[in-house]
PDB file of N, CA and C in Angstrom:
ATOM      1  N   MET A   1      52.325  78.419 152.426  1.00  0.00           N
ATOM      2  CA  MET A   1      52.997  78.186 153.690  1.00  0.00           C
ATOM      3  C   MET A   1      52.107  78.668 154.827  1.00  0.00           C
ATOM      4  N   ILE A   2      52.066  77.917 155.885  1.00  0.00           N
ATOM      5  CA  ILE A   2      51.283  78.256 157.067  1.00  0.00           C
ATOM      6  C   ILE A   2      52.037  79.317 157.868  1.00  0.00           C
ATOM      7  N   MET A   3      51.269  80.242 158.459  1.00  0.00           N
ATOM      8  CA  MET A   3      51.887  81.273 159.282  1.00  0.00           C
ATOM      9  C   MET A   3      51.098  81.415 160.573  1.00  0.00           C
ATOM     10  N   ILE A   4      51.814  81.637 161.662  1.00  0.00           N
ATOM     11  CA  ILE A   4      51.175  81.889 162.942  1.00  0.00           C
ATOM     12  C   ILE A   4      51.720  83.210 163.478  1.00  0.00           C
ATOM     13  N   ALA A   5      50.833  84.032 164.036  1.00  0.00           N
ATOM     14  CA  ALA A   5      51.240  85.300 164.642  1.00  0.00           C
ATOM     15  C   ALA A   5      50.970  85.212 166.141  1.00  0.00           C
ATOM     16  N   ILE A   6      51.970  85.575 166.929  1.00  0.00           N
ATOM     17  CA  ILE A   6      51.854  85.495 168.382  1.00  0.00           C
ATOM     18  C   ILE A   6      52.355  86.784 169.032  1.00  0.00           C
ATOM     19  N   SER A   7      52.016  86.949 170.280  1.00  0.00           N
ATOM     20  CA  SER A   7      52.500  88.114 171.036  1.00  0.00           C
ATOM     21  C   SER A   7      53.846  87.777 171.679  1.00  0.00           C
ATOM     22  N   THR A   8      54.529  88.793 172.139  1.00  0.00           N
ATOM     23  CA  THR A   8      55.798  88.556 172.834  1.00  0.00           C
ATOM     24  C   THR A   8      55.564  87.799 174.135  1.00  0.00           C
ATOM     25  N   THR A   9      54.437  88.036 174.774  1.00  0.00           N
ATOM     26  CA  THR A   9      54.111  87.317 176.005  1.00  0.00           C
ATOM     27  C   THR A   9      53.959  85.829 175.730  1.00  0.00           C
ATOM     28  N   GLU A  10      53.238  85.505 174.664  1.00  0.00           N
ATOM     29  CA  GLU A  10      53.059  84.103 174.287  1.00  0.00           C
ATOM     30  C   GLU A  10      54.393  83.466 173.927  1.00  0.00           C
ATOM     31  N   LEU A  11      55.257  84.209 173.247  1.00  0.00           N
ATOM     32  CA  LEU A  11      56.580  83.698 172.895  1.00  0.00           C
ATOM     33  C   LEU A  11      57.379  83.368 174.157  1.00  0.00           C
ATOM     34  N   ARG A  12      57.363  84.263 175.142  1.00  0.00           N
ATOM     35  CA  ARG A  12      58.086  84.019 176.389  1.00  0.00           C
ATOM     36  C   ARG A  12      57.556  82.778 177.112  1.00  0.00           C
ATOM     37  N   ARG A  13      56.264  82.597 177.085  1.00  0.00           N
ATOM     38  CA  ARG A  13      55.663  81.449 177.779  1.00  0.00           C
ATOM     39  C   ARG A  13      56.030  80.120 177.127  1.00  0.00           C
ATOM     40  N   ASN A  14      56.146  80.123 175.792  1.00  0.00           N
ATOM     41  CA  ASN A  14      56.313  78.871 175.048  1.00  0.00           C
ATOM     42  C   ASN A  14      57.432  78.959 174.017  1.00  0.00           C
ATOM     43  N   LEU A  15      58.555  79.522 174.395  1.00  0.00           N
ATOM     44  CA  LEU A  15      59.663  79.741 173.470  1.00  0.00           C
ATOM     45  C   LEU A  15      60.076  78.460 172.739  1.00  0.00           C
ATOM     46  N   LYS A  16      60.300  77.405 173.471  1.00  0.00           N
ATOM     47  CA  LYS A  16      60.752  76.146 172.862  1.00  0.00           C
ATOM     48  C   LYS A  16      59.760  75.663 171.793  1.00  0.00           C
ATOM     49  N   LYS A  17      58.494  75.758 172.086  1.00  0.00           N
ATOM     50  CA  LYS A  17      57.443  75.344 171.155  1.00  0.00           C
ATOM     51  C   LYS A  17      57.534  76.125 169.844  1.00  0.00           C
ATOM     52  N   TYR A  18      57.698  77.447 169.939  1.00  0.00           N
ATOM     53  CA  TYR A  18      57.709  78.276 168.733  1.00  0.00           C
ATOM     54  C   TYR A  18      59.025  78.163 167.965  1.00  0.00           C
ATOM     55  N   LEU A  19      60.123  77.914 168.652  1.00  0.00           N
ATOM     56  CA  LEU A  19      61.382  77.671 167.949  1.00  0.00           C
ATOM     57  C   LEU A  19      61.284  76.396 167.114  1.00  0.00           C
ATOM     58  N   ALA A  20      60.675  75.362 167.673  1.00  0.00           N
ATOM     59  CA  ALA A  20      60.484  74.110 166.926  1.00  0.00           C
ATOM     60  C   ALA A  20      59.508  74.319 165.773  1.00  0.00           C
ATOM     61  N   MET A  21      58.472  75.083 166.020  1.00  0.00           N
ATOM     62  CA  MET A  21      57.462  75.342 165.006  1.00  0.00           C
ATOM     63  C   MET A  21      58.046  76.113 163.815  1.00  0.00           C
ATOM     64  N   ALA A  22      59.031  76.983 164.082  1.00  0.00           N
ATOM     65  CA  ALA A  22      59.630  77.812 163.029  1.00  0.00           C
ATOM     66  C   ALA A  22      60.346  76.980 161.975  1.00  0.00           C
ATOM     67  N   ASN A  23      60.675  75.729 162.288  1.00  0.00           N
ATOM     68  CA  ASN A  23      61.286  74.858 161.288  1.00  0.00           C
ATOM     69  C   ASN A  23      60.297  74.427 160.220  1.00  0.00           C
ATOM     70  N   LYS A  24      59.003  74.538 160.527  1.00  0.00           N
ATOM     71  CA  LYS A  24      57.978  74.049 159.598  1.00  0.00           C
ATOM     72  C   LYS A  24      57.077  75.137 159.047  1.00  0.00           C
ATOM     73  N   GLU A  25      56.959  76.234 159.773  1.00  0.00           N
ATOM     74  CA  GLU A  25      56.063  77.304 159.337  1.00  0.00           C
ATOM     75  C   GLU A  25      56.587  78.652 159.799  1.00  0.00           C
ATOM     76  N   ARG A  26      56.007  79.710 159.238  1.00  0.00           N
ATOM     77  CA  ARG A  26      56.401  81.062 159.622  1.00  0.00           C
ATOM     78  C   ARG A  26      55.844  81.382 161.000  1.00  0.00           C
ATOM     79  N   VAL A  27      56.702  81.899 161.860  1.00  0.00           N
ATOM     80  CA  VAL A  27      56.274  82.336 163.186  1.00  0.00           C
ATOM     81  C   VAL A  27      56.579  83.831 163.270  1.00  0.00           C
ATOM     82  N   VAL A  28      55.520  84.626 163.354  1.00  0.00           N
ATOM     83  CA  VAL A  28      55.646  86.083 163.410  1.00  0.00           C
ATOM     84  C   VAL A  28      55.284  86.541 164.805  1.00  0.00           C
ATOM     85  N   ILE A  29      56.127  87.390 165.384  1.00  0.00           N
ATOM     86  CA  ILE A  29      55.899  87.911 166.725  1.00  0.00           C
ATOM     87  C   ILE A  29      55.464  89.357 166.609  1.00  0.00           C
ATOM     88  N   GLN A  30      54.348  89.674 167.223  1.00  0.00           N
ATOM     89  CA  GLN A  30      53.835  91.039 167.241  1.00  0.00           C
ATOM     90  C   GLN A  30      54.264  91.684 168.536  1.00  0.00           C
ATOM     91  N   SER A  31      55.033  92.763 168.445  1.00  0.00           N
ATOM     92  CA  SER A  31      55.499  93.485 169.622  1.00  0.00           C
ATOM     93  C   SER A  31      54.912  94.888 169.586  1.00  0.00           C
ATOM     94  N   GLY A  32      53.939  95.127 170.408  1.00  0.00           N
ATOM     95  CA  GLY A  32      53.255  96.415 170.369  1.00  0.00           C
ATOM     96  C   GLY A  32      52.358  96.496 169.147  1.00  0.00           C
ATOM     97  N   LYS A  33      52.048  97.701 168.728  1.00  0.00           N
ATOM     98  CA  LYS A  33      51.139  97.878 167.594  1.00  0.00           C
ATOM     99  C   LYS A  33      51.862  97.906 166.254  1.00  0.00           C
ATOM    100  N   ALA A  34      53.113  98.358 166.242  1.00  0.00           N
ATOM    101  CA  ALA A  34      53.775  98.594 164.966  1.00  0.00           C
ATOM    102  C   ALA A  34      54.924  97.645 164.642  1.00  0.00           C
ATOM    103  N   GLU A  35      55.489  96.984 165.642  1.00  0.00           N
ATOM    104  CA  GLU A  35      56.679  96.166 165.422  1.00  0.00           C
ATOM    105  C   GLU A  35      56.325  94.698 165.243  1.00  0.00           C
ATOM    106  N   THR A  36      56.875  94.074 164.210  1.00  0.00           N
ATOM    107  CA  THR A  36      56.731  92.632 164.027  1.00  0.00           C
ATOM    108  C   THR A  36      58.092  92.036 163.720  1.00  0.00           C
ATOM    109  N   TYR A  37      58.280  90.801 164.151  1.00  0.00           N
ATOM    110  CA  TYR A  37      59.523  90.078 163.931  1.00  0.00           C
ATOM    111  C   TYR A  37      59.164  88.671 163.487  1.00  0.00           C
ATOM    112  N   GLU A  38      60.102  88.011 162.824  1.00  0.00           N
ATOM    113  CA  GLU A  38      59.869  86.642 162.394  1.00  0.00           C
ATOM    114  C   GLU A  38      61.007  85.760 162.878  1.00  0.00           C
ATOM    115  N   ILE A  39      60.661  84.564 163.348  1.00  0.00           N
ATOM    116  CA  ILE A  39      61.681  83.598 163.752  1.00  0.00           C
ATOM    117  C   ILE A  39      62.072  82.812 162.512  1.00  0.00           C
ATOM    118  N   ILE A  40      63.353  82.887 162.160  1.00  0.00           N
ATOM    119  CA  ILE A  40      63.866  82.154 161.009  1.00  0.00           C
ATOM    120  C   ILE A  40      65.081  81.357 161.471  1.00  0.00           C
ATOM    121  N   PRO A  41      65.015  80.030 161.401  1.00  0.00           N
ATOM    122  CA  PRO A  41      66.172  79.226 161.813  1.00  0.00           C
ATOM    123  C   PRO A  41      67.409  79.591 160.994  1.00  0.00           C
ATOM    124  N   ALA A  42      68.558  79.711 161.641  1.00  0.00           N
ATOM    125  CA  ALA A  42      69.790  80.123 160.966  1.00  0.00           C
ATOM    126  C   ALA A  42      70.120  79.211 159.793  1.00  0.00           C
ATOM    127  N   LYS A  43      69.935  77.919 159.939  1.00  0.00           N
ATOM    128  CA  LYS A  43      70.224  76.989 158.855  1.00  0.00           C
ATOM    129  C   LYS A  43      69.366  77.296 157.635  1.00  0.00           C
ATOM    130  N   LYS A  44      68.105  77.604 157.869  1.00  0.00           N
ATOM    131  CA  LYS A  44      67.195  77.908 156.773  1.00  0.00           C
ATOM    132  C   LYS A  44      67.657  79.150 156.017  1.00  0.00           C
ATOM    133  N   VAL A  45      68.115  80.157 156.736  1.00  0.00           N
ATOM    134  CA  VAL A  45      68.581  81.393 156.107  1.00  0.00           C
ATOM    135  C   VAL A  45      69.831  81.131 155.271  1.00  0.00           C
ATOM    136  N   SER A  46      70.818  80.456 155.841  1.00  0.00           N
ATOM    137  CA  SER A  46      72.069  80.250 155.123  1.00  0.00           C
ATOM    138  C   SER A  46      71.917  79.302 153.946  1.00  0.00           C
ATOM    139  N   ASP A  47      70.988  78.354 154.032  1.00  0.00           N
ATOM    140  CA  ASP A  47      70.782  77.419 152.927  1.00  0.00           C
ATOM    141  C   ASP A  47      70.097  78.064 151.735  1.00  0.00           C
ATOM    142  N   THR A  48      69.247  79.024 151.996  1.00  0.00           N
ATOM    143  CA  THR A  48      68.453  79.601 150.913  1.00  0.00           C
ATOM    144  C   THR A  48      68.899  80.997 150.510  1.00  0.00           C
ATOM    145  N   ASP A  49      69.753  81.617 151.264  1.00  0.00           N
ATOM    146  CA  ASP A  49      70.171  82.980 150.987  1.00  0.00           C
ATOM    147  C   ASP A  49      71.362  82.971 150.039  1.00  0.00           C
ATOM    148  N   LYS A  50      71.115  83.302 148.787  1.00  0.00           N
ATOM    149  CA  LYS A  50      72.176  83.282 147.775  1.00  0.00           C
ATOM    150  C   LYS A  50      73.277  84.296 148.093  1.00  0.00           C
ATOM    151  N   TYR A  51      72.907  85.367 148.729  1.00  0.00           N
ATOM    152  CA  TYR A  51      73.880  86.413 149.029  1.00  0.00           C
ATOM    153  C   TYR A  51      74.890  85.942 150.066  1.00  0.00           C
ATOM    154  N   PHE A  52      74.417  85.449 151.205  1.00  0.00           N
ATOM    155  CA  PHE A  52      75.330  85.086 152.278  1.00  0.00           C
ATOM    156  C   PHE A  52      75.933  83.691 152.135  1.00  0.00           C
ATOM    157  N   SER A  53      75.486  82.936 151.148  1.00  0.00           N
ATOM    158  CA  SER A  53      76.133  81.641 150.914  1.00  0.00           C
ATOM    159  C   SER A  53      77.192  81.761 149.816  1.00  0.00           C
ATOM    160  N   ASN A  54      77.386  82.964 149.291  1.00  0.00           N
ATOM    161  CA  ASN A  54      78.374  83.214 148.247  1.00  0.00           C
ATOM    162  C   ASN A  54      79.736  83.510 148.906  1.00  0.00           C
ATOM    163  N   PRO A  55      80.757  82.670 148.644  1.00  0.00           N
ATOM    164  CA  PRO A  55      82.069  82.866 149.274  1.00  0.00           C
ATOM    165  C   PRO A  55      82.688  84.239 148.993  1.00  0.00           C
ATOM    166  N   LYS A  56      82.456  84.804 147.808  1.00  0.00           N
ATOM    167  CA  LYS A  56      83.009  86.125 147.481  1.00  0.00           C
ATOM    168  C   LYS A  56      82.394  87.207 148.366  1.00  0.00           C
ATOM    169  N   VAL A  57      81.121  87.076 148.656  1.00  0.00           N
ATOM    170  CA  VAL A  57      80.455  88.043 149.529  1.00  0.00           C
ATOM    171  C   VAL A  57      81.007  87.928 150.947  1.00  0.00           C
ATOM    172  N   ILE A  58      81.182  86.716 151.416  1.00  0.00           N
ATOM    173  CA  ILE A  58      81.732  86.501 152.765  1.00  0.00           C
ATOM    174  C   ILE A  58      83.139  87.088 152.858  1.00  0.00           C
ATOM    175  N   GLU A  59      83.953  86.892 151.815  1.00  0.00           N
ATOM    176  CA  GLU A  59      85.311  87.459 151.789  1.00  0.00           C
ATOM    177  C   GLU A  59      85.252  88.982 151.834  1.00  0.00           C
ATOM    178  N   ALA A  60      84.325  89.586 151.081  1.00  0.00           N
ATOM    179  CA  ALA A  60      84.192  91.046 151.062  1.00  0.00           C
ATOM    180  C   ALA A  60      83.775  91.566 152.434  1.00  0.00           C
ATOM    181  N   ILE A  61      82.895  90.847 153.095  1.00  0.00           N
ATOM    182  CA  ILE A  61      82.474  91.242 154.443  1.00  0.00           C
ATOM    183  C   ILE A  61      83.660  91.182 155.404  1.00  0.00           C
ATOM    184  N   GLU A  62      84.445  90.126 155.314  1.00  0.00           N
ATOM    185  CA  GLU A  62      85.621  89.990 156.183  1.00  0.00           C
ATOM    186  C   GLU A  62      86.632  91.102 155.922  1.00  0.00           C
ATOM    187  N   ARG A  63      86.835  91.452 154.647  1.00  0.00           N
ATOM    188  CA  ARG A  63      87.750  92.568 154.326  1.00  0.00           C
ATOM    189  C   ARG A  63      87.222  93.865 154.927  1.00  0.00           C
ATOM    190  N   GLY A  64      85.911  94.064 154.856  1.00  0.00           N
ATOM    191  CA  GLY A  64      85.298  95.254 155.451  1.00  0.00           C
ATOM    192  C   GLY A  64      85.501  95.307 156.953  1.00  0.00           C
ATOM    193  N   ARG A  65      85.355  94.176 157.599  1.00  0.00           N
ATOM    194  CA  ARG A  65      85.590  94.116 159.049  1.00  0.00           C
ATOM    195  C   ARG A  65      87.040  94.466 159.378  1.00  0.00           C
ATOM    196  N   GLU A  66      87.972  93.954 158.580  1.00  0.00           N
ATOM    197  CA  GLU A  66      89.392  94.262 158.788  1.00  0.00           C
ATOM    198  C   GLU A  66      89.645  95.748 158.585  1.00  0.00           C
ATOM    199  N   ASP A  67      89.005  96.346 157.566  1.00  0.00           N
ATOM    200  CA  ASP A  67      89.151  97.784 157.337  1.00  0.00           C
ATOM    201  C   ASP A  67      88.671  98.583 158.551  1.00  0.00           C
ATOM    202  N   ILE A  68      87.544  98.193 159.097  1.00  0.00           N
ATOM    203  CA  ILE A  68      87.001  98.902 160.264  1.00  0.00           C
ATOM    204  C   ILE A  68      87.955  98.790 161.443  1.00  0.00           C
ATOM    205  N   LYS A  69      88.462  97.583 161.698  1.00  0.00           N
ATOM    206  CA  LYS A  69      89.402  97.392 162.807  1.00  0.00           C
ATOM    207  C   LYS A  69      90.661  98.232 162.624  1.00  0.00           C
ATOM    208  N   ALA A  70      91.078  98.412 161.363  1.00  0.00           N
ATOM    209  CA  ALA A  70      92.288  99.178 161.067  1.00  0.00           C
ATOM    210  C   ALA A  70      92.010 100.677 160.967  1.00  0.00           C
ATOM    211  N   GLY A  71      90.750 101.082 161.162  1.00  0.00           N
ATOM    212  CA  GLY A  71      90.426 102.505 161.120  1.00  0.00           C
ATOM    213  C   GLY A  71      90.209 103.051 159.726  1.00  0.00           C
ATOM    214  N   ARG A  72      90.076 102.194 158.744  1.00  0.00           N
ATOM    215  CA  ARG A  72      89.865 102.641 157.369  1.00  0.00           C
ATOM    216  C   ARG A  72      88.367 102.714 157.067  1.00  0.00           C
ATOM    217  N   PHE A  73      87.741 103.780 157.568  1.00  0.00           N
ATOM    218  CA  PHE A  73      86.317 103.990 157.322  1.00  0.00           C
ATOM    219  C   PHE A  73      86.005 105.470 157.476  1.00  0.00           C
ATOM    220  N   ILE A  74      84.850 105.866 156.990  1.00  0.00           N
ATOM    221  CA  ILE A  74      84.391 107.249 157.081  1.00  0.00           C
ATOM    222  C   ILE A  74      83.062 107.239 157.824  1.00  0.00           C
ATOM    223  N   THR A  75      82.904 108.140 158.773  1.00  0.00           N
ATOM    224  CA  THR A  75      81.648 108.278 159.487  1.00  0.00           C
ATOM    225  C   THR A  75      80.845 109.396 158.841  1.00  0.00           C
ATOM    226  N   ILE A  76      79.654 109.079 158.405  1.00  0.00           N
ATOM    227  CA  ILE A  76      78.783 110.067 157.771  1.00  0.00           C
ATOM    228  C   ILE A  76      77.807 110.557 158.829  1.00  0.00           C
ATOM    229  N   THR A  77      77.920 111.831 159.169  1.00  0.00           N
ATOM    230  CA  THR A  77      77.061 112.385 160.222  1.00  0.00           C
ATOM    231  C   THR A  77      75.849 113.108 159.650  1.00  0.00           C
ATOM    232  N   ASP A  78      75.937 113.556 158.407  1.00  0.00           N
ATOM    233  CA  ASP A  78      74.816 114.265 157.778  1.00  0.00           C
ATOM    234  C   ASP A  78      74.461 113.553 156.474  1.00  0.00           C
ATOM    235  N   PRO A  79      73.341 112.851 156.434  1.00  0.00           N
ATOM    236  CA  PRO A  79      72.977 112.106 155.235  1.00  0.00           C
ATOM    237  C   PRO A  79      72.803 112.985 153.996  1.00  0.00           C
ATOM    238  N   LYS A  80      72.571 114.272 154.198  1.00  0.00           N
ATOM    239  CA  LYS A  80      72.415 115.170 153.057  1.00  0.00           C
ATOM    240  C   LYS A  80      73.763 115.526 152.435  1.00  0.00           C
ATOM    241  N   LYS A  81      74.845 115.220 153.127  1.00  0.00           N
ATOM    242  CA  LYS A  81      76.192 115.558 152.647  1.00  0.00           C
ATOM    243  C   LYS A  81      77.053 114.303 152.498  1.00  0.00           C
ATOM    244  N   ILE A  82      76.454 113.220 152.027  1.00  0.00           N
ATOM    245  CA  ILE A  82      77.178 111.965 151.915  1.00  0.00           C
ATOM    246  C   ILE A  82      78.403 112.116 151.022  1.00  0.00           C
ATOM    247  N   TRP A  83      78.216 112.602 149.815  1.00  0.00           N
ATOM    248  CA  TRP A  83      79.337 112.686 148.878  1.00  0.00           C
ATOM    249  C   TRP A  83      80.387 113.679 149.326  1.00  0.00           C
ATOM    250  N   GLU A  84      79.972 114.783 149.911  1.00  0.00           N
ATOM    251  CA  GLU A  84      80.933 115.755 150.426  1.00  0.00           C
ATOM    252  C   GLU A  84      81.812 115.112 151.516  1.00  0.00           C
ATOM    253  N   THR A  85      81.195 114.306 152.360  1.00  0.00           N
ATOM    254  CA  THR A  85      81.931 113.630 153.431  1.00  0.00           C
ATOM    255  C   THR A  85      82.891 112.588 152.863  1.00  0.00           C
ATOM    256  N   ILE A  86      82.420 111.815 151.895  1.00  0.00           N
ATOM    257  CA  ILE A  86      83.247 110.752 151.301  1.00  0.00           C
ATOM    258  C   ILE A  86      84.438 111.344 150.551  1.00  0.00           C
ATOM    259  N   LEU A  87      84.206 112.403 149.810  1.00  0.00           N
ATOM    260  CA  LEU A  87      85.249 112.971 148.955  1.00  0.00           C
ATOM    261  C   LEU A  87      86.195 113.924 149.691  1.00  0.00           C
ATOM    262  N   SER A  88      85.887 114.270 150.924  1.00  0.00           N
ATOM    263  CA  SER A  88      86.755 115.221 151.632  1.00  0.00           C
ATOM    264  C   SER A  88      87.912 114.522 152.307  1.00  0.00           C
TER     265      SER A  88
END
């Protein structure tokens, strides 16, 4: 697969061009020295992603969202005490 790497400045100048290009090849955006991002068309992700195209997974995500709205969640403030927080 062909890949092109561009800067954020180049992306801003030619956004439409790179969005169209992402349908055919990988478009990677370099932001600063350490950050990189990739443009992936939503259709491409949903068509090939076995996880998010699985109806059971989508149902589980929706149930999780409902739990959060209803206040059924635990906030973990100390990652070293995950189980203590969950079990308390």
